[in-house]
Amino acid sequence: MIALKIKMASLTAGVLLVTSGALFAAEPKSEQSCEQIRVAIGATPPANPELLRALATRKDCGFTSAEVYQAAYGDRPLPPQEGRAEYLKRYHHLGDAHVEDD
């Protein structure tokens, strides 16, 4: 019985591969280069360590966290910010912080 299930699963997978291959074969190929794909997804080059060191040593400039993030990650959008109340609900077991309604 198990052998029959395995055989049916492989047959189904084979049919799916053949069907998907037929679908892709009907479309004209327009492959993009790796560089074009990277530009499309917004991949940024590695961070510039000298720039990050300059930011770290010049505390008197008062760089914002957004400026430091942009120096490290380029034009990648900032991650979503969690509100303080949501953080406390999720990580209440890590410290002695209390929500006001405790």
PDB file of N, CA and C in Angstrom:
ATOM      1  N   MET A   1       0.821  -1.196   0.000  1.00  0.00           N
ATOM      2  CA  MET A   1       0.000   0.000   0.000  1.00  0.00           C
ATOM      3  C   MET A   1       0.868   1.264   0.000  1.00  0.00           C
ATOM      4  N   ILE A   2       1.929   1.250   0.810  1.00  0.00           N
ATOM      5  CA  ILE A   2       2.822   2.410   0.880  1.00  0.00           C
ATOM      6  C   ILE A   2       3.534   2.600  -0.456  1.00  0.00           C
ATOM      7  N   ALA A   3       3.956   1.488  -1.065  1.00  0.00           N
ATOM      8  CA  ALA A   3       4.637   1.580  -2.359  1.00  0.00           C
ATOM      9  C   ALA A   3       3.712   2.175  -3.414  1.00  0.00           C
ATOM     10  N   LEU A   4       2.429   1.820  -3.356  1.00  0.00           N
ATOM     11  CA  LEU A   4       1.460   2.360  -4.304  1.00  0.00           C
ATOM     12  C   LEU A   4       1.291   3.869  -4.109  1.00  0.00           C
ATOM     13  N   LYS A   5       1.260   4.318  -2.840  1.00  0.00           N
ATOM     14  CA  LYS A   5       1.134   5.751  -2.560  1.00  0.00           C
ATOM     15  C   LYS A   5       2.356   6.512  -3.063  1.00  0.00           C
ATOM     16  N   ILE A   6       3.533   5.932  -2.864  1.00  0.00           N
ATOM     17  CA  ILE A   6       4.761   6.584  -3.320  1.00  0.00           C
ATOM     18  C   ILE A   6       4.767   6.663  -4.843  1.00  0.00           C
ATOM     19  N   LYS A   7       4.359   5.574  -5.492  1.00  0.00           N
ATOM     20  CA  LYS A   7       4.327   5.553  -6.950  1.00  0.00           C
ATOM     21  C   LYS A   7       3.332   6.587  -7.482  1.00  0.00           C
ATOM     22  N   MET A   8       2.168   6.705  -6.829  1.00  0.00           N
ATOM     23  CA  MET A   8       1.165   7.685  -7.251  1.00  0.00           C
ATOM     24  C   MET A   8       1.681   9.114  -7.045  1.00  0.00           C
ATOM     25  N   ALA A   9       2.381   9.335  -5.924  1.00  0.00           N
ATOM     26  CA  ALA A   9       2.922  10.666  -5.650  1.00  0.00           C
ATOM     27  C   ALA A   9       3.961  11.051  -6.694  1.00  0.00           C
ATOM     28  N   SER A  10       4.840  10.108  -7.049  1.00  0.00           N
ATOM     29  CA  SER A  10       5.853  10.421  -8.053  1.00  0.00           C
ATOM     30  C   SER A  10       5.228  10.619  -9.424  1.00  0.00           C
ATOM     31  N   LEU A  11       4.173   9.853  -9.728  1.00  0.00           N
ATOM     32  CA  LEU A  11       3.472  10.028 -10.995  1.00  0.00           C
ATOM     33  C   LEU A  11       2.809  11.407 -11.051  1.00  0.00           C
ATOM     34  N   THR A  12       2.183  11.809  -9.944  1.00  0.00           N
ATOM     35  CA  THR A  12       1.545  13.130  -9.880  1.00  0.00           C
ATOM     36  C   THR A  12       2.587  14.233 -10.040  1.00  0.00           C
ATOM     37  N   ALA A  13       3.727  14.079  -9.368  1.00  0.00           N
ATOM     38  CA  ALA A  13       4.790  15.077  -9.487  1.00  0.00           C
ATOM     39  C   ALA A  13       5.299  15.147 -10.916  1.00  0.00           C
ATOM     40  N   GLY A  14       5.432  13.999 -11.561  1.00  0.00           N
ATOM     41  CA  GLY A  14       5.881  13.970 -12.955  1.00  0.00           C
ATOM     42  C   GLY A  14       4.904  14.669 -13.880  1.00  0.00           C
ATOM     43  N   VAL A  15       3.608  14.447 -13.669  1.00  0.00           N
ATOM     44  CA  VAL A  15       2.590  15.106 -14.489  1.00  0.00           C
ATOM     45  C   VAL A  15       2.650  16.614 -14.281  1.00  0.00           C
ATOM     46  N   LEU A  16       2.839  17.044 -13.026  1.00  0.00           N
ATOM     47  CA  LEU A  16       2.936  18.479 -12.754  1.00  0.00           C
ATOM     48  C   LEU A  16       4.146  19.090 -13.450  1.00  0.00           C
ATOM     49  N   LEU A  17       5.273  18.386 -13.424  1.00  0.00           N
ATOM     50  CA  LEU A  17       6.472  18.902 -14.078  1.00  0.00           C
ATOM     51  C   LEU A  17       6.281  18.999 -15.584  1.00  0.00           C
ATOM     52  N   VAL A  18       5.689  17.984 -16.175  1.00  0.00           N
ATOM     53  CA  VAL A  18       5.461  18.001 -17.617  1.00  0.00           C
ATOM     54  C   VAL A  18       4.505  19.123 -17.984  1.00  0.00           C
ATOM     55  N   THR A  19       3.440  19.281 -17.202  1.00  0.00           N
ATOM     56  CA  THR A  19       2.462  20.330 -17.479  1.00  0.00           C
ATOM     57  C   THR A  19       3.093  21.711 -17.339  1.00  0.00           C
ATOM     58  N   SER A  20       3.846  21.916 -16.259  1.00  0.00           N
ATOM     59  CA  SER A  20       4.457  23.228 -16.069  1.00  0.00           C
ATOM     60  C   SER A  20       5.511  23.487 -17.134  1.00  0.00           C
ATOM     61  N   GLY A  21       6.216  22.453 -17.564  1.00  0.00           N
ATOM     62  CA  GLY A  21       7.193  22.621 -18.640  1.00  0.00           C
ATOM     63  C   GLY A  21       6.527  23.036 -19.930  1.00  0.00           C
ATOM     64  N   ALA A  22       5.349  22.464 -20.205  1.00  0.00           N
ATOM     65  CA  ALA A  22       4.622  22.836 -21.416  1.00  0.00           C
ATOM     66  C   ALA A  22       4.163  24.289 -21.340  1.00  0.00           C
ATOM     67  N   LEU A  23       3.764  24.728 -20.159  1.00  0.00           N
ATOM     68  CA  LEU A  23       3.330  26.113 -20.004  1.00  0.00           C
ATOM     69  C   LEU A  23       4.488  27.076 -20.224  1.00  0.00           C
ATOM     70  N   PHE A  24       5.653  26.733 -19.662  1.00  0.00           N
ATOM     71  CA  PHE A  24       6.798  27.614 -19.806  1.00  0.00           C
ATOM     72  C   PHE A  24       7.360  27.577 -21.222  1.00  0.00           C
ATOM     73  N   ALA A  25       7.238  26.448 -21.897  1.00  0.00           N
ATOM     74  CA  ALA A  25       7.757  26.344 -23.252  1.00  0.00           C
ATOM     75  C   ALA A  25       6.971  27.223 -24.213  1.00  0.00           C
ATOM     76  N   ALA A  26       5.697  27.473 -23.915  1.00  0.00           N
ATOM     77  CA  ALA A  26       4.865  28.280 -24.796  1.00  0.00           C
ATOM     78  C   ALA A  26       5.240  29.758 -24.729  1.00  0.00           C
ATOM     79  N   GLU A  27       5.827  30.193 -23.606  1.00  0.00           N
ATOM     80  CA  GLU A  27       6.195  31.595 -23.447  1.00  0.00           C
ATOM     81  C   GLU A  27       7.579  31.839 -24.035  1.00  0.00           C
ATOM     82  N   PRO A  28       7.787  32.986 -24.665  1.00  0.00           N
ATOM     83  CA  PRO A  28       9.132  33.281 -25.159  1.00  0.00           C
ATOM     84  C   PRO A  28      10.069  33.556 -23.985  1.00  0.00           C
ATOM     85  N   LYS A  29      11.296  33.112 -24.126  1.00  0.00           N
ATOM     86  CA  LYS A  29      12.260  33.307 -23.042  1.00  0.00           C
ATOM     87  C   LYS A  29      12.805  34.728 -23.089  1.00  0.00           C
ATOM     88  N   SER A  30      12.736  35.395 -21.971  1.00  0.00           N
ATOM     89  CA  SER A  30      13.326  36.725 -21.842  1.00  0.00           C
ATOM     90  C   SER A  30      14.055  36.763 -20.509  1.00  0.00           C
ATOM     91  N   GLU A  31      15.209  36.120 -20.478  1.00  0.00           N
ATOM     92  CA  GLU A  31      15.967  36.037 -19.234  1.00  0.00           C
ATOM     93  C   GLU A  31      16.624  37.373 -18.934  1.00  0.00           C
ATOM     94  N   GLN A  32      16.562  37.729 -17.682  1.00  0.00           N
ATOM     95  CA  GLN A  32      17.229  38.940 -17.226  1.00  0.00           C
ATOM     96  C   GLN A  32      18.576  38.548 -16.647  1.00  0.00           C
ATOM     97  N   SER A  33      19.510  39.455 -16.719  1.00  0.00           N
ATOM     98  CA  SER A  33      20.803  39.196 -16.099  1.00  0.00           C
ATOM     99  C   SER A  33      20.665  39.310 -14.582  1.00  0.00           C
ATOM    100  N   CYS A  34      21.616  38.763 -13.887  1.00  0.00           N
ATOM    101  CA  CYS A  34      21.604  38.835 -12.418  1.00  0.00           C
ATOM    102  C   CYS A  34      21.586  40.289 -11.955  1.00  0.00           C
ATOM    103  N   GLU A  35      22.332  41.129 -12.655  1.00  0.00           N
ATOM    104  CA  GLU A  35      22.398  42.542 -12.275  1.00  0.00           C
ATOM    105  C   GLU A  35      21.039  43.218 -12.436  1.00  0.00           C
ATOM    106  N   GLN A  36      20.326  42.896 -13.506  1.00  0.00           N
ATOM    107  CA  GLN A  36      18.997  43.474 -13.706  1.00  0.00           C
ATOM    108  C   GLN A  36      18.044  43.044 -12.603  1.00  0.00           C
ATOM    109  N   ILE A  37      18.144  41.798 -12.186  1.00  0.00           N
ATOM    110  CA  ILE A  37      17.281  41.299 -11.111  1.00  0.00           C
ATOM    111  C   ILE A  37      17.623  41.996  -9.806  1.00  0.00           C
ATOM    112  N   ARG A  38      18.922  42.170  -9.526  1.00  0.00           N
ATOM    113  CA  ARG A  38      19.329  42.842  -8.289  1.00  0.00           C
ATOM    114  C   ARG A  38      18.818  44.281  -8.247  1.00  0.00           C
ATOM    115  N   VAL A  39      18.870  44.963  -9.374  1.00  0.00           N
ATOM    116  CA  VAL A  39      18.369  46.336  -9.427  1.00  0.00           C
ATOM    117  C   VAL A  39      16.867  46.345  -9.180  1.00  0.00           C
ATOM    118  N   ALA A  40      16.171  45.360  -9.742  1.00  0.00           N
ATOM    119  CA  ALA A  40      14.718  45.305  -9.596  1.00  0.00           C
ATOM    120  C   ALA A  40      14.292  45.061  -8.152  1.00  0.00           C
ATOM    121  N   ILE A  41      15.042  44.267  -7.414  1.00  0.00           N
ATOM    122  CA  ILE A  41      14.648  43.978  -6.032  1.00  0.00           C
ATOM    123  C   ILE A  41      15.270  44.948  -5.042  1.00  0.00           C
ATOM    124  N   GLY A  42      16.068  45.861  -5.510  1.00  0.00           N
ATOM    125  CA  GLY A  42      16.628  46.874  -4.627  1.00  0.00           C
ATOM    126  C   GLY A  42      17.808  46.384  -3.807  1.00  0.00           C
ATOM    127  N   ALA A  43      18.535  45.402  -4.306  1.00  0.00           N
ATOM    128  CA  ALA A  43      19.703  44.914  -3.578  1.00  0.00           C
ATOM    129  C   ALA A  43      20.738  46.028  -3.505  1.00  0.00           C
ATOM    130  N   THR A  44      21.320  46.182  -2.358  1.00  0.00           N
ATOM    131  CA  THR A  44      22.304  47.242  -2.168  1.00  0.00           C
ATOM    132  C   THR A  44      23.688  46.633  -2.014  1.00  0.00           C
ATOM    133  N   PRO A  45      24.717  47.375  -2.364  1.00  0.00           N
ATOM    134  CA  PRO A  45      26.068  46.873  -2.157  1.00  0.00           C
ATOM    135  C   PRO A  45      26.364  46.775  -0.660  1.00  0.00           C
ATOM    136  N   PRO A  46      27.412  46.064  -0.290  1.00  0.00           N
ATOM    137  CA  PRO A  46      27.751  45.967   1.137  1.00  0.00           C
ATOM    138  C   PRO A  46      27.995  47.348   1.741  1.00  0.00           C
ATOM    139  N   ALA A  47      27.783  47.434   3.028  1.00  0.00           N
ATOM    140  CA  ALA A  47      27.959  48.710   3.727  1.00  0.00           C
ATOM    141  C   ALA A  47      29.415  49.160   3.653  1.00  0.00           C
ATOM    142  N   ASN A  48      29.606  50.455   3.659  1.00  0.00           N
ATOM    143  CA  ASN A  48      30.933  51.049   3.628  1.00  0.00           C
ATOM    144  C   ASN A  48      31.435  51.152   5.068  1.00  0.00           C
ATOM    145  N   PRO A  49      32.401  50.319   5.465  1.00  0.00           N
ATOM    146  CA  PRO A  49      32.848  50.331   6.867  1.00  0.00           C
ATOM    147  C   PRO A  49      33.457  51.661   7.298  1.00  0.00           C
ATOM    148  N   GLU A  50      34.154  52.346   6.385  1.00  0.00           N
ATOM    149  CA  GLU A  50      34.757  53.631   6.752  1.00  0.00           C
ATOM    150  C   GLU A  50      33.678  54.664   7.077  1.00  0.00           C
ATOM    151  N   LEU A  51      32.615  54.669   6.290  1.00  0.00           N
ATOM    152  CA  LEU A  51      31.523  55.601   6.550  1.00  0.00           C
ATOM    153  C   LEU A  51      30.860  55.291   7.890  1.00  0.00           C
ATOM    154  N   LEU A  52      30.653  54.022   8.177  1.00  0.00           N
ATOM    155  CA  LEU A  52      30.034  53.649   9.456  1.00  0.00           C
ATOM    156  C   LEU A  52      30.933  54.011  10.634  1.00  0.00           C
ATOM    157  N   ARG A  53      32.253  53.849  10.477  1.00  0.00           N
ATOM    158  CA  ARG A  53      33.179  54.256  11.545  1.00  0.00           C
ATOM    159  C   ARG A  53      33.131  55.768  11.750  1.00  0.00           C
ATOM    160  N   ALA A  54      33.037  56.515  10.641  1.00  0.00           N
ATOM    161  CA  ALA A  54      32.958  57.978  10.747  1.00  0.00           C
ATOM    162  C   ALA A  54      31.688  58.386  11.484  1.00  0.00           C
ATOM    163  N   LEU A  55      30.587  57.708  11.205  1.00  0.00           N
ATOM    164  CA  LEU A  55      29.344  58.003  11.919  1.00  0.00           C
ATOM    165  C   LEU A  55      29.484  57.699  13.409  1.00  0.00           C
ATOM    166  N   ALA A  56      30.147  56.602  13.723  1.00  0.00           N
ATOM    167  CA  ALA A  56      30.287  56.195  15.124  1.00  0.00           C
ATOM    168  C   ALA A  56      31.205  57.131  15.902  1.00  0.00           C
ATOM    169  N   THR A  57      32.228  57.662  15.246  1.00  0.00           N
ATOM    170  CA  THR A  57      33.176  58.519  15.964  1.00  0.00           C
ATOM    171  C   THR A  57      32.680  59.952  16.123  1.00  0.00           C
ATOM    172  N   ARG A  58      31.751  60.397  15.300  1.00  0.00           N
ATOM    173  CA  ARG A  58      31.259  61.778  15.369  1.00  0.00           C
ATOM    174  C   ARG A  58      29.926  61.849  16.094  1.00  0.00           C
ATOM    175  N   LYS A  59      29.958  61.614  17.382  1.00  0.00           N
ATOM    176  CA  LYS A  59      28.742  61.691  18.204  1.00  0.00           C
ATOM    177  C   LYS A  59      28.197  63.117  18.257  1.00  0.00           C
ATOM    178  N   ASP A  60      29.080  64.101  18.086  1.00  0.00           N
ATOM    179  CA  ASP A  60      28.658  65.497  18.165  1.00  0.00           C
ATOM    180  C   ASP A  60      27.748  65.915  17.007  1.00  0.00           C
ATOM    181  N   CYS A  61      27.737  65.153  15.918  1.00  0.00           N
ATOM    182  CA  CYS A  61      26.889  65.495  14.765  1.00  0.00           C
ATOM    183  C   CYS A  61      25.430  65.147  15.004  1.00  0.00           C
ATOM    184  N   GLY A  62      25.166  64.246  15.914  1.00  0.00           N
ATOM    185  CA  GLY A  62      23.789  63.875  16.221  1.00  0.00           C
ATOM    186  C   GLY A  62      23.060  63.227  15.055  1.00  0.00           C
ATOM    187  N   PHE A  63      23.722  62.281  14.386  1.00  0.00           N
ATOM    188  CA  PHE A  63      23.072  61.592  13.277  1.00  0.00           C
ATOM    189  C   PHE A  63      21.842  60.847  13.775  1.00  0.00           C
ATOM    190  N   THR A  64      20.775  60.914  12.997  1.00  0.00           N
ATOM    191  CA  THR A  64      19.549  60.214  13.378  1.00  0.00           C
ATOM    192  C   THR A  64      19.701  58.727  13.081  1.00  0.00           C
ATOM    193  N   SER A  65      18.836  57.930  13.694  1.00  0.00           N
ATOM    194  CA  SER A  65      18.881  56.492  13.433  1.00  0.00           C
ATOM    195  C   SER A  65      18.561  56.204  11.967  1.00  0.00           C
ATOM    196  N   ALA A  66      17.715  57.038  11.359  1.00  0.00           N
ATOM    197  CA  ALA A  66      17.394  56.854   9.939  1.00  0.00           C
ATOM    198  C   ALA A  66      18.627  57.093   9.066  1.00  0.00           C
ATOM    199  N   GLU A  67      19.446  58.088   9.426  1.00  0.00           N
ATOM    200  CA  GLU A  67      20.672  58.353   8.664  1.00  0.00           C
ATOM    201  C   GLU A  67      21.673  57.216   8.811  1.00  0.00           C
ATOM    202  N   VAL A  68      21.800  56.689  10.013  1.00  0.00           N
ATOM    203  CA  VAL A  68      22.717  55.571  10.238  1.00  0.00           C
ATOM    204  C   VAL A  68      22.225  54.338   9.490  1.00  0.00           C
ATOM    205  N   TYR A  69      20.922  54.097   9.528  1.00  0.00           N
ATOM    206  CA  TYR A  69      20.343  52.960   8.816  1.00  0.00           C
ATOM    207  C   TYR A  69      20.597  53.095   7.317  1.00  0.00           C
ATOM    208  N   GLN A  70      20.420  54.302   6.782  1.00  0.00           N
ATOM    209  CA  GLN A  70      20.642  54.507   5.354  1.00  0.00           C
ATOM    210  C   GLN A  70      22.112  54.327   5.002  1.00  0.00           C
ATOM    211  N   ALA A  71      23.013  54.732   5.879  1.00  0.00           N
ATOM    212  CA  ALA A  71      24.437  54.528   5.625  1.00  0.00           C
ATOM    213  C   ALA A  71      24.775  53.041   5.584  1.00  0.00           C
ATOM    214  N   ALA A  72      24.096  52.256   6.403  1.00  0.00           N
ATOM    215  CA  ALA A  72      24.379  50.826   6.457  1.00  0.00           C
ATOM    216  C   ALA A  72      23.660  50.045   5.367  1.00  0.00           C
ATOM    217  N   TYR A  73      22.411  50.404   5.090  1.00  0.00           N
ATOM    218  CA  TYR A  73      21.585  49.584   4.197  1.00  0.00           C
ATOM    219  C   TYR A  73      21.170  50.279   2.909  1.00  0.00           C
ATOM    220  N   GLY A  74      21.615  51.484   2.662  1.00  0.00           N
ATOM    221  CA  GLY A  74      21.266  52.166   1.419  1.00  0.00           C
ATOM    222  C   GLY A  74      19.816  52.618   1.413  1.00  0.00           C
ATOM    223  N   ASP A  75      19.171  52.462   0.275  1.00  0.00           N
ATOM    224  CA  ASP A  75      17.800  52.945   0.113  1.00  0.00           C
ATOM    225  C   ASP A  75      16.748  51.917   0.502  1.00  0.00           C
ATOM    226  N   ARG A  76      17.150  50.839   1.138  1.00  0.00           N
ATOM    227  CA  ARG A  76      16.179  49.838   1.594  1.00  0.00           C
ATOM    228  C   ARG A  76      15.246  50.486   2.612  1.00  0.00           C
ATOM    229  N   PRO A  77      13.936  50.247   2.509  1.00  0.00           N
ATOM    230  CA  PRO A  77      13.007  50.888   3.450  1.00  0.00           C
ATOM    231  C   PRO A  77      13.225  50.407   4.883  1.00  0.00           C
ATOM    232  N   LEU A  78      12.901  51.280   5.809  1.00  0.00           N
ATOM    233  CA  LEU A  78      13.016  50.924   7.223  1.00  0.00           C
ATOM    234  C   LEU A  78      12.063  49.787   7.561  1.00  0.00           C
ATOM    235  N   PRO A  79      12.457  48.903   8.470  1.00  0.00           N
ATOM    236  CA  PRO A  79      11.521  47.858   8.893  1.00  0.00           C
ATOM    237  C   PRO A  79      10.369  48.480   9.672  1.00  0.00           C
ATOM    238  N   PRO A  80       9.218  47.822   9.710  1.00  0.00           N
ATOM    239  CA  PRO A  80       8.078  48.393  10.436  1.00  0.00           C
ATOM    240  C   PRO A  80       8.386  48.529  11.926  1.00  0.00           C
ATOM    241  N   GLN A  81       7.917  49.609  12.497  1.00  0.00           N
ATOM    242  CA  GLN A  81       8.149  49.871  13.913  1.00  0.00           C
ATOM    243  C   GLN A  81       7.024  49.275  14.747  1.00  0.00           C
ATOM    244  N   GLU A  82       7.380  48.542  15.775  1.00  0.00           N
ATOM    245  CA  GLU A  82       6.370  48.049  16.710  1.00  0.00           C
ATOM    246  C   GLU A  82       6.155  49.114  17.774  1.00  0.00           C
ATOM    247  N   GLY A  83       4.922  49.280  18.163  1.00  0.00           N
ATOM    248  CA  GLY A  83       4.637  50.206  19.248  1.00  0.00           C
ATOM    249  C   GLY A  83       5.143  49.645  20.570  1.00  0.00           C
ATOM    250  N   ARG A  84       5.376  50.494  21.531  1.00  0.00           N
ATOM    251  CA  ARG A  84       5.901  50.058  22.827  1.00  0.00           C
ATOM    252  C   ARG A  84       4.956  49.081  23.507  1.00  0.00           C
ATOM    253  N   ALA A  85       3.660  49.320  23.446  1.00  0.00           N
ATOM    254  CA  ALA A  85       2.704  48.427  24.099  1.00  0.00           C
ATOM    255  C   ALA A  85       2.757  47.038  23.478  1.00  0.00           C
ATOM    256  N   GLU A  86       2.873  46.973  22.151  1.00  0.00           N
ATOM    257  CA  GLU A  86       2.951  45.673  21.479  1.00  0.00           C
ATOM    258  C   GLU A  86       4.231  44.945  21.882  1.00  0.00           C
ATOM    259  N   TYR A  87       5.333  45.689  21.994  1.00  0.00           N
ATOM    260  CA  TYR A  87       6.597  45.095  22.406  1.00  0.00           C
ATOM    261  C   TYR A  87       6.477  44.509  23.807  1.00  0.00           C
ATOM    262  N   LEU A  88       5.875  45.261  24.725  1.00  0.00           N
ATOM    263  CA  LEU A  88       5.739  44.778  26.101  1.00  0.00           C
ATOM    264  C   LEU A  88       4.861  43.538  26.170  1.00  0.00           C
ATOM    265  N   LYS A  89       3.806  43.498  25.370  1.00  0.00           N
ATOM    266  CA  LYS A  89       2.946  42.315  25.367  1.00  0.00           C
ATOM    267  C   LYS A  89       3.704  41.100  24.871  1.00  0.00           C
ATOM    268  N   ARG A  90       4.500  41.289  23.839  1.00  0.00           N
ATOM    269  CA  ARG A  90       5.193  40.161  23.229  1.00  0.00           C
ATOM    270  C   ARG A  90       6.386  39.694  24.056  1.00  0.00           C
ATOM    271  N   TYR A  91       7.112  40.610  24.689  1.00  0.00           N
ATOM    272  CA  TYR A  91       8.349  40.264  25.381  1.00  0.00           C
ATOM    273  C   TYR A  91       8.277  40.531  26.879  1.00  0.00           C
ATOM    274  N   HIS A  92       7.106  40.425  27.467  1.00  0.00           N
ATOM    275  CA  HIS A  92       6.946  40.732  28.891  1.00  0.00           C
ATOM    276  C   HIS A  92       7.772  39.811  29.778  1.00  0.00           C
ATOM    277  N   HIS A  93       8.078  38.631  29.302  1.00  0.00           N
ATOM    278  CA  HIS A  93       8.820  37.661  30.110  1.00  0.00           C
ATOM    279  C   HIS A  93      10.313  37.975  30.172  1.00  0.00           C
ATOM    280  N   LEU A  94      10.804  38.930  29.397  1.00  0.00           N
ATOM    281  CA  LEU A  94      12.234  39.211  29.355  1.00  0.00           C
ATOM    282  C   LEU A  94      12.699  40.221  30.397  1.00  0.00           C
ATOM    283  N   GLY A  95      11.808  40.984  30.955  1.00  0.00           N
ATOM    284  CA  GLY A  95      12.240  42.001  31.901  1.00  0.00           C
ATOM    285  C   GLY A  95      11.173  42.287  32.923  1.00  0.00           C
ATOM    286  N   ASP A  96      11.393  43.325  33.700  1.00  0.00           N
ATOM    287  CA  ASP A  96      10.432  43.663  34.741  1.00  0.00           C
ATOM    288  C   ASP A  96       9.545  44.839  34.330  1.00  0.00           C
ATOM    289  N   ALA A  97       9.502  45.164  33.031  1.00  0.00           N
ATOM    290  CA  ALA A  97       8.632  46.242  32.556  1.00  0.00           C
ATOM    291  C   ALA A  97       7.179  45.809  32.664  1.00  0.00           C
ATOM    292  N   HIS A  98       6.330  46.734  33.055  1.00  0.00           N
ATOM    293  CA  HIS A  98       4.916  46.408  33.232  1.00  0.00           C
ATOM    294  C   HIS A  98       4.052  47.346  32.407  1.00  0.00           C
ATOM    295  N   VAL A  99       3.013  46.801  31.847  1.00  0.00           N
ATOM    296  CA  VAL A  99       2.015  47.611  31.172  1.00  0.00           C
ATOM    297  C   VAL A  99       1.157  48.228  32.259  1.00  0.00           C
ATOM    298  N   GLU A 100       0.629  49.421  32.032  1.00  0.00           N
ATOM    299  CA  GLU A 100      -0.084  50.152  33.075  1.00  0.00           C
ATOM    300  C   GLU A 100      -1.280  49.411  33.645  1.00  0.00           C
ATOM    301  N   ASP A 101      -1.906  48.527  32.876  1.00  0.00           N
ATOM    302  CA  ASP A 101      -3.093  47.844  33.394  1.00  0.00           C
ATOM    303  C   ASP A 101      -2.762  46.573  34.170  1.00  0.00           C
ATOM    304  N   ASP A 102      -1.479  46.318  34.477  1.00  0.00           N
ATOM    305  CA  ASP A 102      -1.101  45.128  35.275  1.00  0.00           C
ATOM    306  C   ASP A 102      -1.541  45.274  36.710  1.00  0.00           C
TER     307      ASP A 102
END
